[in-house]
């Protein structure tokens, strides 16, 4: 060094100004580009420098420039990735480190790109399947609020002026309409309070564990969640084992990537059992949280020495099952939601028409 100058802590911590998260699809695309550059014969530093120049997203460009600076200073790529834990998850860093150790960084990056593309595709399918039901529910809620707060109060004046007794559905509808017109502030405050309390409870460890246990026990949604998480676990562990990551480390990283607390704790128990000498298949079976098909396939893989291939086959199987369940749920939810929305509208219309019919009978 020519000179040494003291700097503040913030200056050496790029995590303060770098983005906290890059989308899985963007990260997979960038990883694919880096693998292609390394496959073309470029050195790592040259590949990172070129990748930063051709990246259009400013935040991602700053991340890659930070990686290039760290590599230029003599750090390995895995150590450079550890500077940005919110951008690069533990799975990413573990595979890169395994690739560096085994001399197959390009292959490890290609595996990471495949993994990220699979993850992004699954998330895209889940979001696409839930978009229409959420849209219908929002429209139904907005329509109900509009009718209760604006239309029903105007029509109720006509019935009150006649002085006649109103049917029970009409009286019930008018009471609900009064809540929206006179006590809207109380309803809004109650919704905000309940949402805040629910969010706070979900943020706690006990609350999230209870919610995840309840969700995974639901008849249809629970099966979808279990198979989706099983596919993610199997693909992550299979990919890491195939790249030379030790099984205990692979289980640690895979547990961190699971969203459901119940299955995350089950993977932790699997790791403890394997560490004590149990086979992976026996440990998976003893938890009772993973389907029997998973432990059977892993047992076959352990006998033949191809655990990674067996886990990847399990992942492919359950990804197909997830697609089938998503299609089935979407097909069922569409008519169910239409029936619910139609029932709400029918109740409102009948409640408002019943007094009109009674007035007609009195006139006759």
Protein backbone atom coordinates (compact mmCIF):
# COMPACT_ATOMS: atom_id res chain seq x y z
CA UNK A 1 0.00 0.00 0.00
CA UNK A 2 1.12 3.55 -0.80
CA UNK A 3 -0.95 5.10 1.99
CA UNK A 4 -3.27 3.95 4.77
CA UNK A 5 -6.23 6.14 5.73
CA UNK A 6 -8.77 5.40 8.47
CA UNK A 7 -12.38 5.24 7.27
CA UNK A 8 -15.69 5.05 9.09
CA UNK A 9 -17.55 1.80 9.65
CA UNK A 10 -20.30 2.87 7.25
CA UNK A 11 -17.77 3.28 4.46
CA UNK A 12 -16.66 -0.36 4.64
CA UNK A 13 -20.18 -1.73 5.01
CA UNK A 14 -21.81 -1.60 1.55
CA UNK A 15 -24.88 -3.38 2.93
CA UNK A 16 -26.09 -0.01 4.19
CA UNK A 17 -26.50 1.42 0.69
CA UNK A 18 -26.99 -1.73 -1.35
CA UNK A 19 -30.50 -3.18 -1.89
CA UNK A 20 -31.71 -5.60 0.75
CA UNK A 21 -33.06 -8.07 -1.80
CA UNK A 22 -32.76 -8.93 -5.48
CA UNK A 23 -35.61 -10.87 -7.05
CA UNK A 24 -34.87 -14.58 -7.67
CA UNK A 25 -35.46 -14.21 -11.41
CA UNK A 26 -33.00 -11.30 -11.69
CA UNK A 27 -30.42 -13.11 -9.57
CA UNK A 28 -30.77 -16.26 -11.69
CA UNK A 29 -30.37 -14.28 -14.93
CA UNK A 30 -27.26 -12.52 -13.60
CA UNK A 31 -25.80 -15.81 -12.38
CA UNK A 32 -26.35 -17.36 -15.79
CA UNK A 33 -24.50 -14.47 -17.43
CA UNK A 34 -21.56 -14.84 -15.03
CA UNK A 35 -21.38 -18.59 -15.69
CA UNK A 36 -21.40 -17.97 -19.46
CA UNK A 37 -18.60 -15.40 -19.16
CA UNK A 38 -16.49 -17.82 -17.11
CA UNK A 39 -17.25 -20.56 -19.63
CA UNK A 40 -16.00 -18.26 -22.37
CA UNK A 41 -12.54 -18.23 -20.84
CA UNK A 42 -12.61 -14.98 -18.87
CA UNK A 43 -11.03 -14.73 -15.45
CA UNK A 44 -13.35 -14.08 -12.51
CA UNK A 45 -12.36 -10.44 -12.02
CA UNK A 46 -12.68 -9.66 -15.73
CA UNK A 47 -16.05 -11.43 -15.87
CA UNK A 48 -17.38 -9.45 -12.89
CA UNK A 49 -16.11 -6.16 -14.37
CA UNK A 50 -17.73 -6.88 -17.73
CA UNK A 51 -20.93 -8.05 -16.06
CA UNK A 52 -21.17 -4.80 -14.08
CA UNK A 53 -20.78 -2.75 -17.27
CA UNK A 54 -23.56 -4.59 -19.11
CA UNK A 55 -26.02 -4.63 -16.18
CA UNK A 56 -28.77 -2.05 -16.67
CA UNK A 57 -30.26 -2.11 -13.17
CA UNK A 58 -28.31 0.45 -11.07
CA UNK A 59 -28.76 -1.33 -7.72
CA UNK A 60 -27.59 -4.66 -9.12
CA UNK A 61 -24.67 -2.94 -10.86
CA UNK A 62 -23.49 -1.59 -7.51
CA UNK A 63 -23.66 -5.09 -6.03
CA UNK A 64 -21.54 -6.56 -8.83
CA UNK A 65 -19.04 -3.68 -8.61
CA UNK A 66 -18.72 -4.37 -4.89
CA UNK A 67 -18.03 -8.05 -5.63
CA UNK A 68 -15.40 -7.07 -8.19
CA UNK A 69 -13.71 -4.76 -5.69
CA UNK A 70 -13.60 -7.53 -3.08
CA UNK A 71 -12.14 -10.03 -5.57
CA UNK A 72 -9.60 -7.43 -6.68
CA UNK A 73 -8.54 -7.06 -3.04
CA UNK A 74 -7.77 -10.78 -2.87
CA UNK A 75 -10.98 -12.26 -1.48
CA UNK A 76 -12.66 -15.32 -2.87
CA UNK A 77 -16.04 -14.95 -4.53
CA UNK A 78 -17.80 -16.76 -1.67
CA UNK A 79 -16.27 -14.34 0.85
CA UNK A 80 -17.31 -11.42 -1.33
CA UNK A 81 -20.88 -12.75 -1.48
CA UNK A 82 -20.96 -12.89 2.33
CA UNK A 83 -20.71 -9.09 2.39
CA UNK A 84 -24.28 -8.95 1.05
CA UNK A 85 -26.27 -11.60 2.98
CA UNK A 86 -29.60 -9.95 2.08
CA UNK A 87 -28.84 -10.25 -1.63
CA UNK A 88 -27.21 -13.69 -1.78
CA UNK A 89 -28.91 -16.36 0.41
CA UNK A 90 -26.94 -19.05 2.28
CA UNK A 91 -27.70 -21.59 -0.45
CA UNK A 92 -26.06 -19.36 -3.04
CA UNK A 93 -22.95 -18.80 -0.96
CA UNK A 94 -22.63 -22.50 -0.05
CA UNK A 95 -22.75 -23.67 -3.66
CA UNK A 96 -20.26 -21.04 -4.78
CA UNK A 97 -17.88 -22.03 -1.98
CA UNK A 98 -18.23 -25.71 -2.94
CA UNK A 99 -17.53 -24.82 -6.56
CA UNK A 100 -14.42 -22.88 -5.59
CA UNK A 101 -13.18 -25.76 -3.43
CA UNK A 102 -13.73 -28.37 -6.13
CA UNK A 103 -12.52 -26.20 -9.01
CA UNK A 104 -15.94 -26.12 -10.69
CA UNK A 105 -17.14 -22.55 -10.15
CA UNK A 106 -18.68 -22.31 -13.61
CA UNK A 107 -20.68 -25.51 -13.05
CA UNK A 108 -21.80 -24.34 -9.60
CA UNK A 109 -23.00 -21.02 -11.04
CA UNK A 110 -24.90 -22.87 -13.78
CA UNK A 111 -26.58 -25.05 -11.14
CA UNK A 112 -27.48 -21.91 -9.18
CA UNK A 113 -29.00 -20.35 -12.28
CA UNK A 114 -31.08 -23.49 -12.90
CA UNK A 115 -32.16 -23.51 -9.26
CA UNK A 116 -33.14 -19.84 -9.34
CA UNK A 117 -35.10 -20.28 -12.55
CA UNK A 118 -37.01 -23.23 -11.05
CA UNK A 119 -37.78 -21.18 -7.92
CA UNK A 120 -38.90 -18.15 -9.92
CA UNK A 121 -41.10 -20.30 -12.15
CA UNK A 122 -42.83 -21.92 -9.16
CA UNK A 123 -43.46 -18.55 -7.53
CA UNK A 124 -44.80 -17.16 -10.80
CA UNK A 125 -47.27 -20.03 -11.13
CA UNK A 126 -48.50 -19.63 -7.56
CA UNK A 127 -48.96 -15.88 -8.00
CA UNK A 128 -50.72 -16.31 -11.34
CA UNK A 129 -53.09 -18.85 -9.83
CA UNK A 130 -53.95 -16.56 -6.89
CA UNK A 131 -54.33 -13.38 -8.98
CA UNK A 132 -57.86 -14.07 -10.24
CA UNK A 133 -59.36 -15.15 -6.87
CA UNK A 134 -57.84 -12.12 -5.15
CA UNK A 135 -59.19 -9.83 -7.87
CA UNK A 136 -62.69 -11.26 -7.51
CA UNK A 137 -62.58 -10.90 -3.72
CA UNK A 138 -61.42 -7.27 -3.96
CA UNK A 139 -64.15 -6.43 -6.46
CA UNK A 140 -66.78 -8.13 -4.30
CA UNK A 141 -65.60 -6.26 -1.20
CA UNK A 142 -65.55 -2.90 -2.99
CA UNK A 143 -69.01 -3.52 -4.45
CA UNK A 144 -70.43 -4.49 -1.06
CA UNK A 145 -68.99 -1.43 0.65
CA UNK A 146 -70.38 0.83 -2.10
CA UNK A 147 -73.86 -0.66 -1.82
CA UNK A 148 -73.87 -0.50 1.98
CA UNK A 149 -72.47 3.02 2.26
CA UNK A 150 -74.19 4.78 -0.66
CA UNK A 151 -77.03 2.87 -2.32
CA UNK A 152 -78.80 1.25 0.63
CA UNK A 153 -79.09 4.46 2.74
CA UNK A 154 -80.84 6.28 -0.13
CA UNK A 155 -83.29 3.44 -0.73
CA UNK A 156 -83.97 3.01 2.99
CA UNK A 157 -85.50 6.53 3.13
CA UNK A 158 -88.33 5.37 0.84
CA UNK A 159 -89.20 2.44 3.11
CA UNK A 160 -89.04 4.50 6.30
CA UNK A 161 -91.42 7.12 4.85
CA UNK A 162 -94.11 4.49 4.24
CA UNK A 163 -94.16 3.62 7.95
CA UNK A 164 -94.80 -0.06 7.30
CA UNK A 165 -93.07 -2.95 9.05
CA UNK A 166 -90.01 -4.23 7.25
CA UNK A 167 -89.07 -7.88 6.75
CA UNK A 168 -86.23 -9.35 8.78
CA UNK A 169 -83.70 -9.48 5.87
CA UNK A 170 -84.37 -5.81 5.13
CA UNK A 171 -83.97 -4.79 8.76
CA UNK A 172 -80.72 -6.74 9.00
CA UNK A 173 -79.43 -5.09 5.82
CA UNK A 174 -80.32 -1.62 7.12
CA UNK A 175 -78.48 -2.27 10.40
CA UNK A 176 -75.38 -3.31 8.52
CA UNK A 177 -75.71 -0.23 6.32
CA UNK A 178 -75.87 1.97 9.43
CA UNK A 179 -72.53 0.55 10.54
CA UNK A 180 -70.95 1.62 7.26
CA UNK A 181 -72.52 5.10 7.23
CA UNK A 182 -72.44 6.17 10.91
CA UNK A 183 -69.76 3.94 12.43
CA UNK A 184 -67.32 3.69 9.53
CA UNK A 185 -64.55 5.15 11.67
CA UNK A 186 -65.04 2.42 14.28
CA UNK A 187 -64.94 -0.27 11.58
CA UNK A 188 -61.78 1.24 10.09
CA UNK A 189 -60.14 1.46 13.51
CA UNK A 190 -61.09 -2.15 14.29
CA UNK A 191 -59.67 -3.38 10.97
CA UNK A 192 -56.40 -1.48 11.49
CA UNK A 193 -56.11 -2.71 15.08
CA UNK A 194 -56.79 -6.34 14.19
CA UNK A 195 -54.38 -6.16 11.25
CA UNK A 196 -51.67 -4.71 13.47
CA UNK A 197 -52.19 -7.30 16.18
CA UNK A 198 -52.26 -10.10 13.63
CA UNK A 199 -49.07 -8.88 12.00
CA UNK A 200 -47.35 -8.58 15.36
CA UNK A 201 -48.45 -12.08 16.35
CA UNK A 202 -47.31 -13.48 13.01
CA UNK A 203 -43.91 -11.80 13.47
CA UNK A 204 -43.39 -13.61 16.78
CA UNK A 205 -41.90 -17.10 16.77
CA UNK A 206 -44.86 -18.69 18.56
CA UNK A 207 -47.41 -16.97 16.33
CA UNK A 208 -45.69 -17.91 13.08
CA UNK A 209 -45.29 -21.50 14.24
CA UNK A 210 -49.00 -21.72 15.11
CA UNK A 211 -50.08 -20.17 11.81
CA UNK A 212 -47.77 -22.39 9.76
CA UNK A 213 -49.01 -25.48 11.61
CA UNK A 214 -52.62 -24.45 10.92
CA UNK A 215 -51.95 -23.71 7.24
CA UNK A 216 -50.18 -26.99 6.63
CA UNK A 217 -53.12 -28.83 8.17
CA UNK A 218 -55.75 -27.38 5.82
CA UNK A 219 -57.28 -29.93 3.41
CA UNK A 220 -56.26 -28.46 0.04
CA UNK A 221 -53.95 -25.55 0.80
CA UNK A 222 -52.01 -27.65 3.28
CA UNK A 223 -51.25 -30.32 0.67
CA UNK A 224 -50.10 -27.62 -1.74
CA UNK A 225 -47.83 -26.03 0.89
CA UNK A 226 -46.34 -29.36 1.96
CA UNK A 227 -45.57 -30.47 -1.60
CA UNK A 228 -44.22 -27.06 -2.58
CA UNK A 229 -41.86 -26.99 0.41
CA UNK A 230 -40.88 -30.63 -0.12
CA UNK A 231 -39.98 -29.87 -3.74
CA UNK A 232 -37.91 -26.86 -2.65
CA UNK A 233 -36.14 -28.87 0.08
CA UNK A 234 -35.37 -31.80 -2.21
CA UNK A 235 -34.04 -29.66 -5.05
CA UNK A 236 -31.88 -27.55 -2.74
CA UNK A 237 -30.34 -30.51 -0.91
CA UNK A 238 -29.93 -32.54 -4.11
CA UNK A 239 -28.19 -29.66 -5.87
CA UNK A 240 -25.84 -28.97 -2.96
CA UNK A 241 -24.92 -32.64 -2.47
CA UNK A 242 -24.21 -33.01 -6.19
CA UNK A 243 -21.80 -30.06 -5.96
CA UNK A 244 -19.90 -31.59 -3.03
CA UNK A 245 -21.48 -29.72 -0.12
CA UNK A 246 -21.43 -31.90 3.05
CA UNK A 247 -24.83 -33.32 3.91
CA UNK A 248 -25.04 -31.63 7.33
CA UNK A 249 -24.25 -28.24 5.84
CA UNK A 250 -26.72 -28.88 3.02
CA UNK A 251 -29.47 -29.66 5.53
CA UNK A 252 -28.66 -26.48 7.47
CA UNK A 253 -28.90 -24.31 4.37
CA UNK A 254 -32.02 -26.06 3.06
CA UNK A 255 -33.79 -25.52 6.39
CA UNK A 256 -33.13 -21.78 6.20
CA UNK A 257 -34.74 -21.64 2.74
CA UNK A 258 -38.00 -23.22 3.88
CA UNK A 259 -40.83 -20.77 4.53
CA UNK A 260 -42.93 -23.07 6.72
CA UNK A 261 -41.79 -23.21 10.35
CA UNK A 262 -43.14 -26.73 10.91
CA UNK A 263 -41.11 -28.22 8.07
CA UNK A 264 -38.07 -26.11 9.01
CA UNK A 265 -38.10 -27.64 12.50
CA UNK A 266 -38.54 -31.08 10.94
CA UNK A 267 -35.42 -30.57 8.81
CA UNK A 268 -33.54 -29.48 11.95
CA UNK A 269 -34.54 -32.79 13.56
CA UNK A 270 -33.39 -34.62 10.43
CA UNK A 271 -29.99 -32.94 10.69
CA UNK A 272 -29.63 -33.95 14.34
CA UNK A 273 -30.54 -37.56 13.53
CA UNK A 274 -28.06 -37.71 10.63
CA UNK A 275 -25.35 -36.20 12.82
CA UNK A 276 -25.96 -38.94 15.38
CA UNK A 277 -25.48 -41.63 12.75
CA UNK A 278 -28.94 -42.20 11.29
CA UNK A 279 -29.48 -42.56 7.58
CA UNK A 280 -31.08 -39.66 5.75
CA UNK A 281 -34.05 -41.79 4.69
CA UNK A 282 -34.67 -42.99 8.25
CA UNK A 283 -34.38 -39.47 9.62
CA UNK A 284 -36.88 -38.13 7.08
CA UNK A 285 -39.32 -40.94 7.82
CA UNK A 286 -39.08 -40.48 11.61
CA UNK A 287 -40.25 -36.84 11.46
CA UNK A 288 -43.63 -37.76 9.99
CA UNK A 289 -43.71 -34.44 8.12
CA UNK A 290 -42.47 -35.65 4.74
CA UNK A 291 -44.37 -38.05 2.45
CA UNK A 292 -43.34 -41.70 2.41
CA UNK A 293 -42.34 -41.34 -1.23
CA UNK A 294 -39.49 -39.02 -0.23
CA UNK A 295 -37.91 -41.39 2.30
CA UNK A 296 -38.34 -44.37 -0.06
CA UNK A 297 -36.59 -42.57 -2.92
CA UNK A 298 -33.79 -41.38 -0.63
CA UNK A 299 -33.35 -44.93 0.70
CA UNK A 300 -32.93 -46.22 -2.86
CA UNK A 301 -30.46 -43.41 -3.54
CA UNK A 302 -28.44 -44.25 -0.42
CA UNK A 303 -28.17 -47.89 -1.45
CA UNK A 304 -26.96 -46.98 -4.94
CA UNK A 305 -24.86 -43.99 -3.91
CA UNK A 306 -27.00 -41.50 -5.85
CA UNK A 307 -28.78 -39.52 -3.12
CA UNK A 308 -28.48 -36.30 -5.10
CA UNK A 309 -30.14 -37.80 -8.18
CA UNK A 310 -32.90 -39.32 -6.03
CA UNK A 311 -33.63 -35.97 -4.37
CA UNK A 312 -33.74 -34.19 -7.72
CA UNK A 313 -36.23 -36.79 -8.99
CA UNK A 314 -38.36 -36.19 -5.88
CA UNK A 315 -38.24 -32.46 -6.57
CA UNK A 316 -39.32 -32.91 -10.19
CA UNK A 317 -42.18 -35.19 -9.12
CA UNK A 318 -43.55 -32.78 -6.54
CA UNK A 319 -43.14 -29.79 -8.82
CA UNK A 320 -45.46 -31.56 -11.27
CA UNK A 321 -47.83 -32.30 -8.38
CA UNK A 322 -47.77 -28.61 -7.38
CA UNK A 323 -48.72 -27.61 -10.92
CA UNK A 324 -51.60 -30.10 -10.90
CA UNK A 325 -52.90 -28.92 -7.52
CA UNK A 326 -52.65 -25.27 -8.54
CA UNK A 327 -54.65 -25.98 -11.70
CA UNK A 328 -57.27 -27.92 -9.72
CA UNK A 329 -57.63 -25.26 -7.02
CA UNK A 330 -57.92 -22.52 -9.62
CA UNK A 331 -60.60 -24.46 -11.47
CA UNK A 332 -62.57 -24.99 -8.25
CA UNK A 333 -62.12 -21.51 -6.78
CA UNK A 334 -63.47 -19.65 -9.80
CA UNK A 335 -67.06 -21.00 -9.63
CA UNK A 336 -67.02 -20.98 -5.81
CA UNK A 337 -66.10 -17.31 -5.70
CA UNK A 338 -68.71 -16.49 -8.33
CA UNK A 339 -71.36 -18.29 -6.27
CA UNK A 340 -70.33 -16.40 -3.11
CA UNK A 341 -70.38 -13.03 -4.86
CA UNK A 342 -73.69 -13.89 -6.51
CA UNK A 343 -75.15 -14.93 -3.15
CA UNK A 344 -74.17 -11.62 -1.55
CA UNK A 345 -75.72 -9.64 -4.40
CA UNK A 346 -78.84 -11.80 -4.36
CA UNK A 347 -79.32 -11.26 -0.61
CA UNK A 348 -78.99 -7.48 -1.00
CA UNK A 349 -81.41 -7.37 -3.94
CA UNK A 350 -84.00 -9.58 -2.23
CA UNK A 351 -83.75 -7.62 1.02
CA UNK A 352 -84.53 -4.42 -0.87
CA UNK A 353 -87.26 -5.92 -3.05
CA UNK A 354 -89.24 -7.64 -0.29
CA UNK A 355 -90.71 -4.35 1.08
CA UNK A 356 -91.68 -3.37 -2.47
CA UNK A 357 -93.59 -6.61 -2.91
CA UNK A 358 -95.35 -6.10 0.42
CA UNK A 359 -96.35 -2.55 -0.55
CA UNK A 360 -97.85 -3.95 -3.78
CA UNK A 361 -99.84 -6.53 -1.84
CA UNK A 362 -101.20 -3.85 0.55
CA UNK A 363 -102.28 -1.64 -2.37
CA UNK A 364 -104.17 -4.52 -3.96
